[in-house]
């Protein structure tokens, strides 16, 4: 299951990274994701809404994604975290088929 985390670094994390500009956050993130049985797909720094990070990763089940988020926040490195489940084109096709099956059971407001 693919997930995306976006978050902003805390002032504590930014100061630590300024003290050692060669700090390798990607390796720390990779180790955490791999410990959860997952794989880091990509990691990027972001500038919107303050210095931050965008991480795309693959884990076998949703509890691992939530645990990764919780640990990152609890460690004090990031804040304003957002976890998003990403769907592959095949998964979207399956969802559309399921929606088609269920279409007759749904009644929109006012109808």
C-alpha atoms as a PDB file:
ATOM      1  CA  UNK A   1       0.000   0.000   0.000  1.00  0.00           C
ATOM      2  CA  UNK A   2       1.432   3.313  -1.060  1.00  0.00           C
ATOM      3  CA  UNK A   3       1.308   6.319   1.256  1.00  0.00           C
ATOM      4  CA  UNK A   4       2.503   9.896   1.162  1.00  0.00           C
ATOM      5  CA  UNK A   5       3.493  11.917   4.211  1.00  0.00           C
ATOM      6  CA  UNK A   6       3.845  15.677   4.043  1.00  0.00           C
ATOM      7  CA  UNK A   7       5.000  17.642   7.070  1.00  0.00           C
ATOM      8  CA  UNK A   8       6.988  20.654   8.206  1.00  0.00           C
ATOM      9  CA  UNK A   9      10.173  20.358  10.213  1.00  0.00           C
ATOM     10  CA  UNK A  10      10.082  21.662  13.776  1.00  0.00           C
ATOM     11  CA  UNK A  11      12.445  24.480  14.753  1.00  0.00           C
ATOM     12  CA  UNK A  12      14.397  21.934  16.823  1.00  0.00           C
ATOM     13  CA  UNK A  13      14.916  19.701  13.772  1.00  0.00           C
ATOM     14  CA  UNK A  14      15.879  22.660  11.564  1.00  0.00           C
ATOM     15  CA  UNK A  15      18.458  23.860  14.074  1.00  0.00           C
ATOM     16  CA  UNK A  16      19.938  20.365  14.329  1.00  0.00           C
ATOM     17  CA  UNK A  17      20.188  20.134  10.537  1.00  0.00           C
ATOM     18  CA  UNK A  18      21.800  23.587  10.390  1.00  0.00           C
ATOM     19  CA  UNK A  19      24.393  22.446  12.922  1.00  0.00           C
ATOM     20  CA  UNK A  20      25.261  19.543  10.594  1.00  0.00           C
ATOM     21  CA  UNK A  21      24.155  20.362   7.026  1.00  0.00           C
ATOM     22  CA  UNK A  22      25.178  16.859   5.864  1.00  0.00           C
ATOM     23  CA  UNK A  23      22.573  15.230   8.121  1.00  0.00           C
ATOM     24  CA  UNK A  24      21.026  12.356   6.141  1.00  0.00           C
ATOM     25  CA  UNK A  25      17.331  12.340   7.041  1.00  0.00           C
ATOM     26  CA  UNK A  26      16.555  10.070   4.087  1.00  0.00           C
ATOM     27  CA  UNK A  27      18.587   7.255   5.650  1.00  0.00           C
ATOM     28  CA  UNK A  28      16.802   7.643   9.002  1.00  0.00           C
ATOM     29  CA  UNK A  29      13.415   7.586   7.242  1.00  0.00           C
ATOM     30  CA  UNK A  30      14.430   4.555   5.172  1.00  0.00           C
ATOM     31  CA  UNK A  31      15.443   2.605   8.299  1.00  0.00           C
ATOM     32  CA  UNK A  32      12.115   3.336  10.009  1.00  0.00           C
ATOM     33  CA  UNK A  33      10.062   2.318   6.972  1.00  0.00           C
ATOM     34  CA  UNK A  34      12.101  -0.861   6.444  1.00  0.00           C
ATOM     35  CA  UNK A  35      11.679  -1.779  10.127  1.00  0.00           C
ATOM     36  CA  UNK A  36       7.920  -1.663   9.457  1.00  0.00           C
ATOM     37  CA  UNK A  37       8.345  -4.101   6.557  1.00  0.00           C
ATOM     38  CA  UNK A  38       8.065  -1.374   3.959  1.00  0.00           C
ATOM     39  CA  UNK A  39      10.095   0.363   1.276  1.00  0.00           C
ATOM     40  CA  UNK A  40      10.974   4.035   0.798  1.00  0.00           C
ATOM     41  CA  UNK A  41       9.901   5.040  -2.713  1.00  0.00           C
ATOM     42  CA  UNK A  42      11.038   8.672  -2.662  1.00  0.00           C
ATOM     43  CA  UNK A  43      11.750  11.575  -0.335  1.00  0.00           C
ATOM     44  CA  UNK A  44      11.833  15.283  -1.178  1.00  0.00           C
ATOM     45  CA  UNK A  45      12.357  18.502   0.685  1.00  0.00           C
ATOM     46  CA  UNK A  46       9.574  21.070   0.354  1.00  0.00           C
ATOM     47  CA  UNK A  47       9.414  24.824   0.881  1.00  0.00           C
ATOM     48  CA  UNK A  48       5.659  25.478   0.840  1.00  0.00           C
ATOM     49  CA  UNK A  49       4.258  26.338   4.286  1.00  0.00           C
ATOM     50  CA  UNK A  50       7.761  26.297   5.775  1.00  0.00           C
ATOM     51  CA  UNK A  51      10.706  23.936   5.322  1.00  0.00           C
ATOM     52  CA  UNK A  52       9.378  20.427   5.196  1.00  0.00           C
ATOM     53  CA  UNK A  53       9.403  16.992   3.706  1.00  0.00           C
ATOM     54  CA  UNK A  54       7.360  14.806   1.363  1.00  0.00           C
ATOM     55  CA  UNK A  55       7.847  11.044   1.685  1.00  0.00           C
ATOM     56  CA  UNK A  56       6.310   8.363  -0.537  1.00  0.00           C
ATOM     57  CA  UNK A  57       6.553   4.836   0.836  1.00  0.00           C
ATOM     58  CA  UNK A  58       5.074   1.373   0.503  1.00  0.00           C
ATOM     59  CA  UNK A  59       4.029  -0.662   3.553  1.00  0.00           C
ATOM     60  CA  UNK A  60       2.069  -3.919   3.792  1.00  0.00           C
ATOM     61  CA  UNK A  61      -0.782  -2.606   5.974  1.00  0.00           C
ATOM     62  CA  UNK A  62      -2.322   0.680   7.218  1.00  0.00           C
ATOM     63  CA  UNK A  63      -1.270   0.284  10.865  1.00  0.00           C
ATOM     64  CA  UNK A  64       2.384   0.531   9.812  1.00  0.00           C
ATOM     65  CA  UNK A  65       1.775   3.843   8.033  1.00  0.00           C
ATOM     66  CA  UNK A  66       0.024   5.280  11.086  1.00  0.00           C
ATOM     67  CA  UNK A  67       2.772   4.018  13.405  1.00  0.00           C
ATOM     68  CA  UNK A  68       5.460   5.610  11.223  1.00  0.00           C
ATOM     69  CA  UNK A  69       3.627   8.949  11.411  1.00  0.00           C
ATOM     70  CA  UNK A  70       3.218   8.726  15.162  1.00  0.00           C
ATOM     71  CA  UNK A  71       6.884   7.935  15.741  1.00  0.00           C
ATOM     72  CA  UNK A  72       8.058  10.782  13.528  1.00  0.00           C
ATOM     73  CA  UNK A  73       5.867  13.289  15.372  1.00  0.00           C
ATOM     74  CA  UNK A  74       6.746  11.874  18.810  1.00  0.00           C
ATOM     75  CA  UNK A  75      10.441  12.178  17.987  1.00  0.00           C
ATOM     76  CA  UNK A  76      10.017  15.929  17.607  1.00  0.00           C
ATOM     77  CA  UNK A  77      11.312  16.174  14.043  1.00  0.00           C
ATOM     78  CA  UNK A  78       8.106  17.113  12.231  1.00  0.00           C
ATOM     79  CA  UNK A  79       4.765  18.810  12.775  1.00  0.00           C
ATOM     80  CA  UNK A  80       1.580  19.468  10.796  1.00  0.00           C
ATOM     81  CA  UNK A  81       1.795  15.969   9.367  1.00  0.00           C
ATOM     82  CA  UNK A  82      -0.601  14.730   6.716  1.00  0.00           C
ATOM     83  CA  UNK A  83      -0.831  11.057   5.753  1.00  0.00           C
ATOM     84  CA  UNK A  84      -2.428  10.243   2.399  1.00  0.00           C
ATOM     85  CA  UNK A  85      -3.163   6.794   0.977  1.00  0.00           C
ATOM     86  CA  UNK A  86      -2.132   6.684  -2.679  1.00  0.00           C
ATOM     87  CA  UNK A  87      -3.968   4.466  -5.157  1.00  0.00           C
ATOM     88  CA  UNK A  88      -2.365   2.894  -8.219  1.00  0.00           C
ATOM     89  CA  UNK A  89      -4.213   3.031 -11.549  1.00  0.00           C
ATOM     90  CA  UNK A  90      -5.243  -0.627 -11.067  1.00  0.00           C
ATOM     91  CA  UNK A  91      -6.627   0.135  -7.603  1.00  0.00           C
ATOM     92  CA  UNK A  92      -8.608   3.081  -8.990  1.00  0.00           C
ATOM     93  CA  UNK A  93     -10.080   0.823 -11.675  1.00  0.00           C
ATOM     94  CA  UNK A  94     -11.155  -1.626  -8.956  1.00  0.00           C
ATOM     95  CA  UNK A  95     -12.700   1.216  -6.907  1.00  0.00           C
ATOM     96  CA  UNK A  96     -14.652   2.442  -9.923  1.00  0.00           C
ATOM     97  CA  UNK A  97     -15.976  -1.071 -10.530  1.00  0.00           C
ATOM     98  CA  UNK A  98     -17.061  -1.321  -6.887  1.00  0.00           C
ATOM     99  CA  UNK A  99     -18.763   2.077  -7.129  1.00  0.00           C
ATOM    100  CA  UNK A 100     -20.609   0.939 -10.221  1.00  0.00           C
ATOM    101  CA  UNK A 101     -21.870  -2.138  -8.327  1.00  0.00           C
ATOM    102  CA  UNK A 102     -23.077   0.044  -5.459  1.00  0.00           C
ATOM    103  CA  UNK A 103     -24.516   2.878  -7.564  1.00  0.00           C
ATOM    104  CA  UNK A 104     -28.145   1.702  -7.349  1.00  0.00           C
ATOM    105  CA  UNK A 105     -28.004   1.598  -3.518  1.00  0.00           C
ATOM    106  CA  UNK A 106     -27.147   5.302  -3.197  1.00  0.00           C
ATOM    107  CA  UNK A 107     -29.606   8.147  -3.320  1.00  0.00           C
ATOM    108  CA  UNK A 108     -28.158  11.661  -3.634  1.00  0.00           C
ATOM    109  CA  UNK A 109     -29.605  14.464  -1.461  1.00  0.00           C
ATOM    110  CA  UNK A 110     -32.856  15.811  -2.868  1.00  0.00           C
ATOM    111  CA  UNK A 111     -33.465  12.816  -5.152  1.00  0.00           C
END
